[in-house]
């Protein structure tokens, strides 16, 4: 029973985007292991509070991620 775990910063992704992430990751896993595994493939999205995620020693906030996305990075 595969378990896919995804960590994201809270409030970066909309509910629709999170549903798409779950669907696409499940499709990718099923593409490797076979369609029979779809019913037992789990995908969990964990949301980390804004500022509780650090990169290069610096906290990253929801606003930081939105700014990166707007800049096309």
N, C-alpha and C. Protein backbone atom coordinates (compact mmCIF):
# COMPACT_ATOMS: atom_id res chain seq x y z
N UNK A 1 0.85 -1.16 0.00
CA UNK A 1 0.00 0.00 0.00
C UNK A 1 0.90 1.23 0.00
N UNK A 2 1.12 1.87 -1.15
CA UNK A 2 2.00 3.03 -1.24
C UNK A 2 1.41 4.24 -0.51
N UNK A 3 2.30 4.99 0.12
CA UNK A 3 1.92 6.23 0.78
C UNK A 3 2.82 7.34 0.25
N UNK A 4 2.21 8.32 -0.41
CA UNK A 4 2.93 9.48 -0.93
C UNK A 4 2.69 10.62 0.05
N UNK A 5 3.76 11.21 0.56
CA UNK A 5 3.63 12.33 1.49
C UNK A 5 4.22 13.58 0.86
N UNK A 6 3.46 14.66 0.93
CA UNK A 6 3.87 15.93 0.33
C UNK A 6 3.83 16.99 1.41
N UNK A 7 4.92 17.73 1.55
CA UNK A 7 4.97 18.83 2.50
C UNK A 7 4.94 20.15 1.74
N UNK A 8 4.03 21.04 2.14
CA UNK A 8 3.91 22.35 1.50
C UNK A 8 3.70 23.39 2.59
N UNK A 9 3.95 24.63 2.25
CA UNK A 9 3.69 25.72 3.17
C UNK A 9 2.20 26.05 3.14
N UNK A 10 1.62 26.21 4.30
CA UNK A 10 0.18 26.46 4.44
C UNK A 10 -0.24 27.69 3.64
N UNK A 11 -1.39 27.56 2.99
CA UNK A 11 -2.03 28.63 2.23
C UNK A 11 -1.31 29.01 0.95
N UNK A 12 -0.39 28.18 0.49
CA UNK A 12 0.24 28.43 -0.81
C UNK A 12 -0.65 27.87 -1.92
N UNK A 13 -1.18 26.66 -1.71
CA UNK A 13 -1.98 26.00 -2.72
C UNK A 13 -3.46 26.06 -2.35
N UNK A 14 -4.29 26.24 -3.36
CA UNK A 14 -5.74 26.24 -3.16
C UNK A 14 -6.21 24.79 -3.00
N UNK A 15 -7.44 24.59 -2.49
CA UNK A 15 -7.96 23.23 -2.43
C UNK A 15 -7.98 22.54 -3.80
N UNK A 16 -8.28 23.27 -4.85
CA UNK A 16 -8.29 22.68 -6.19
C UNK A 16 -6.88 22.25 -6.61
N UNK A 17 -5.88 23.07 -6.30
CA UNK A 17 -4.50 22.71 -6.63
C UNK A 17 -4.04 21.49 -5.83
N UNK A 18 -4.42 21.42 -4.56
CA UNK A 18 -4.05 20.25 -3.75
C UNK A 18 -4.72 18.99 -4.30
N UNK A 19 -5.96 19.10 -4.74
CA UNK A 19 -6.63 17.95 -5.35
C UNK A 19 -5.90 17.52 -6.62
N UNK A 20 -5.44 18.48 -7.40
CA UNK A 20 -4.69 18.16 -8.62
C UNK A 20 -3.35 17.49 -8.28
N UNK A 21 -2.68 17.97 -7.25
CA UNK A 21 -1.42 17.35 -6.81
C UNK A 21 -1.68 15.89 -6.44
N UNK A 22 -2.72 15.66 -5.66
CA UNK A 22 -3.06 14.29 -5.24
C UNK A 22 -3.34 13.42 -6.46
N UNK A 23 -4.15 13.92 -7.38
CA UNK A 23 -4.49 13.15 -8.58
C UNK A 23 -3.29 12.83 -9.44
N UNK A 24 -2.46 13.83 -9.67
CA UNK A 24 -1.30 13.61 -10.56
C UNK A 24 -0.26 12.69 -9.93
N UNK A 25 -0.02 12.85 -8.62
CA UNK A 25 0.95 11.98 -7.97
C UNK A 25 0.45 10.54 -7.93
N UNK A 26 -0.85 10.38 -7.68
CA UNK A 26 -1.42 9.04 -7.71
C UNK A 26 -1.29 8.43 -9.10
N UNK A 27 -1.59 9.21 -10.13
CA UNK A 27 -1.43 8.72 -11.51
C UNK A 27 0.01 8.32 -11.80
N UNK A 28 0.97 9.10 -11.30
CA UNK A 28 2.38 8.78 -11.53
C UNK A 28 2.76 7.47 -10.86
N UNK A 29 2.31 7.28 -9.64
CA UNK A 29 2.63 6.04 -8.92
C UNK A 29 1.97 4.84 -9.60
N UNK A 30 0.72 5.00 -9.99
CA UNK A 30 0.01 3.91 -10.67
C UNK A 30 0.67 3.61 -12.01
N UNK A 31 1.23 4.63 -12.67
CA UNK A 31 1.94 4.41 -13.92
C UNK A 31 3.15 3.50 -13.74
N UNK A 32 3.73 3.51 -12.57
CA UNK A 32 4.89 2.66 -12.28
C UNK A 32 4.46 1.28 -11.79
N UNK A 33 3.51 1.26 -10.87
CA UNK A 33 3.18 0.00 -10.20
C UNK A 33 1.98 -0.74 -10.76
N UNK A 34 1.20 -0.09 -11.63
CA UNK A 34 0.05 -0.75 -12.24
C UNK A 34 -1.28 -0.27 -11.69
N UNK A 35 -2.28 -0.28 -12.55
CA UNK A 35 -3.61 0.24 -12.22
C UNK A 35 -4.24 -0.47 -11.02
N UNK A 36 -3.92 -1.73 -10.83
CA UNK A 36 -4.51 -2.48 -9.72
C UNK A 36 -4.17 -1.87 -8.36
N UNK A 37 -3.13 -1.06 -8.30
CA UNK A 37 -2.71 -0.46 -7.02
C UNK A 37 -3.42 0.87 -6.73
N UNK A 38 -4.16 1.43 -7.68
CA UNK A 38 -4.83 2.72 -7.47
C UNK A 38 -5.68 2.74 -6.19
N UNK A 39 -6.51 1.73 -5.95
CA UNK A 39 -7.38 1.79 -4.78
C UNK A 39 -6.64 1.81 -3.43
N UNK A 40 -5.38 1.40 -3.43
CA UNK A 40 -4.64 1.37 -2.17
C UNK A 40 -3.46 2.34 -2.16
N UNK A 41 -3.44 3.26 -3.10
CA UNK A 41 -2.39 4.28 -3.14
C UNK A 41 -2.89 5.51 -2.39
N UNK A 42 -2.21 5.85 -1.34
CA UNK A 42 -2.58 6.97 -0.47
C UNK A 42 -1.69 8.16 -0.80
N UNK A 43 -2.26 9.35 -0.69
CA UNK A 43 -1.49 10.59 -0.85
C UNK A 43 -1.93 11.56 0.24
N UNK A 44 -0.99 12.03 1.03
CA UNK A 44 -1.29 12.93 2.14
C UNK A 44 -0.50 14.22 1.95
N UNK A 45 -1.21 15.33 2.06
CA UNK A 45 -0.55 16.64 2.00
C UNK A 45 -0.46 17.19 3.41
N UNK A 46 0.76 17.46 3.83
CA UNK A 46 1.01 18.07 5.15
C UNK A 46 1.30 19.55 4.92
N UNK A 47 0.59 20.40 5.63
CA UNK A 47 0.82 21.84 5.51
C UNK A 47 1.63 22.33 6.72
N UNK A 48 2.74 22.99 6.40
CA UNK A 48 3.63 23.54 7.41
C UNK A 48 3.29 25.02 7.56
N UNK A 49 3.23 25.50 8.79
CA UNK A 49 2.89 26.90 9.04
C UNK A 49 3.87 27.83 8.33
N UNK A 50 3.34 28.95 7.85
CA UNK A 50 4.17 29.98 7.21
C UNK A 50 5.26 30.41 8.19
N UNK A 51 6.49 30.41 7.69
CA UNK A 51 7.63 30.79 8.52
C UNK A 51 8.28 29.63 9.24
N UNK A 52 7.64 28.45 9.25
CA UNK A 52 8.21 27.28 9.92
C UNK A 52 8.99 26.39 8.95
N UNK A 53 9.18 26.84 7.74
CA UNK A 53 9.91 26.12 6.71
C UNK A 53 11.13 26.97 6.40
N UNK A 54 12.30 26.39 6.47
CA UNK A 54 13.51 27.17 6.24
C UNK A 54 14.31 26.67 5.06
N UNK A 55 14.90 27.61 4.36
CA UNK A 55 15.79 27.30 3.25
C UNK A 55 17.04 28.14 3.43
N UNK A 56 18.18 27.49 3.40
CA UNK A 56 19.48 28.15 3.54
C UNK A 56 19.55 28.96 4.83
N UNK A 57 18.93 28.45 5.88
CA UNK A 57 18.98 29.10 7.17
C UNK A 57 17.98 30.24 7.36
N UNK A 58 17.10 30.43 6.37
CA UNK A 58 16.13 31.51 6.44
C UNK A 58 14.71 30.96 6.40
N UNK A 59 13.81 31.51 7.25
CA UNK A 59 12.42 31.06 7.20
C UNK A 59 11.76 31.51 5.89
N UNK A 60 10.90 30.66 5.37
CA UNK A 60 10.17 30.95 4.13
C UNK A 60 8.70 31.08 4.49
N UNK A 61 8.06 32.14 4.03
CA UNK A 61 6.67 32.38 4.35
C UNK A 61 5.78 32.15 3.13
N UNK A 62 4.49 32.12 3.38
CA UNK A 62 3.52 32.00 2.30
C UNK A 62 3.70 33.15 1.32
N UNK A 63 3.88 34.36 1.84
CA UNK A 63 4.07 35.53 0.98
C UNK A 63 5.32 35.38 0.11
N UNK A 64 6.38 34.83 0.68
CA UNK A 64 7.61 34.61 -0.10
C UNK A 64 7.35 33.68 -1.28
N UNK A 65 6.60 32.61 -1.05
CA UNK A 65 6.32 31.65 -2.12
C UNK A 65 5.44 32.28 -3.19
N UNK A 66 4.43 33.06 -2.76
CA UNK A 66 3.58 33.74 -3.74
C UNK A 66 4.40 34.73 -4.58
N UNK A 67 5.35 35.42 -3.95
CA UNK A 67 6.21 36.35 -4.67
C UNK A 67 7.09 35.62 -5.68
N UNK A 68 7.61 34.48 -5.30
CA UNK A 68 8.43 33.68 -6.23
C UNK A 68 7.59 33.22 -7.42
N UNK A 69 6.37 32.76 -7.14
CA UNK A 69 5.49 32.30 -8.22
C UNK A 69 5.13 33.45 -9.16
N UNK A 70 4.88 34.63 -8.60
CA UNK A 70 4.53 35.79 -9.43
C UNK A 70 5.69 36.23 -10.31
N UNK A 71 6.91 36.01 -9.79
CA UNK A 71 8.11 36.39 -10.55
C UNK A 71 8.48 35.34 -11.59
N UNK A 72 7.78 34.20 -11.56
CA UNK A 72 8.07 33.15 -12.53
C UNK A 72 9.29 32.33 -12.22
N UNK A 73 9.69 32.33 -10.95
CA UNK A 73 10.88 31.58 -10.55
C UNK A 73 10.54 30.13 -10.37
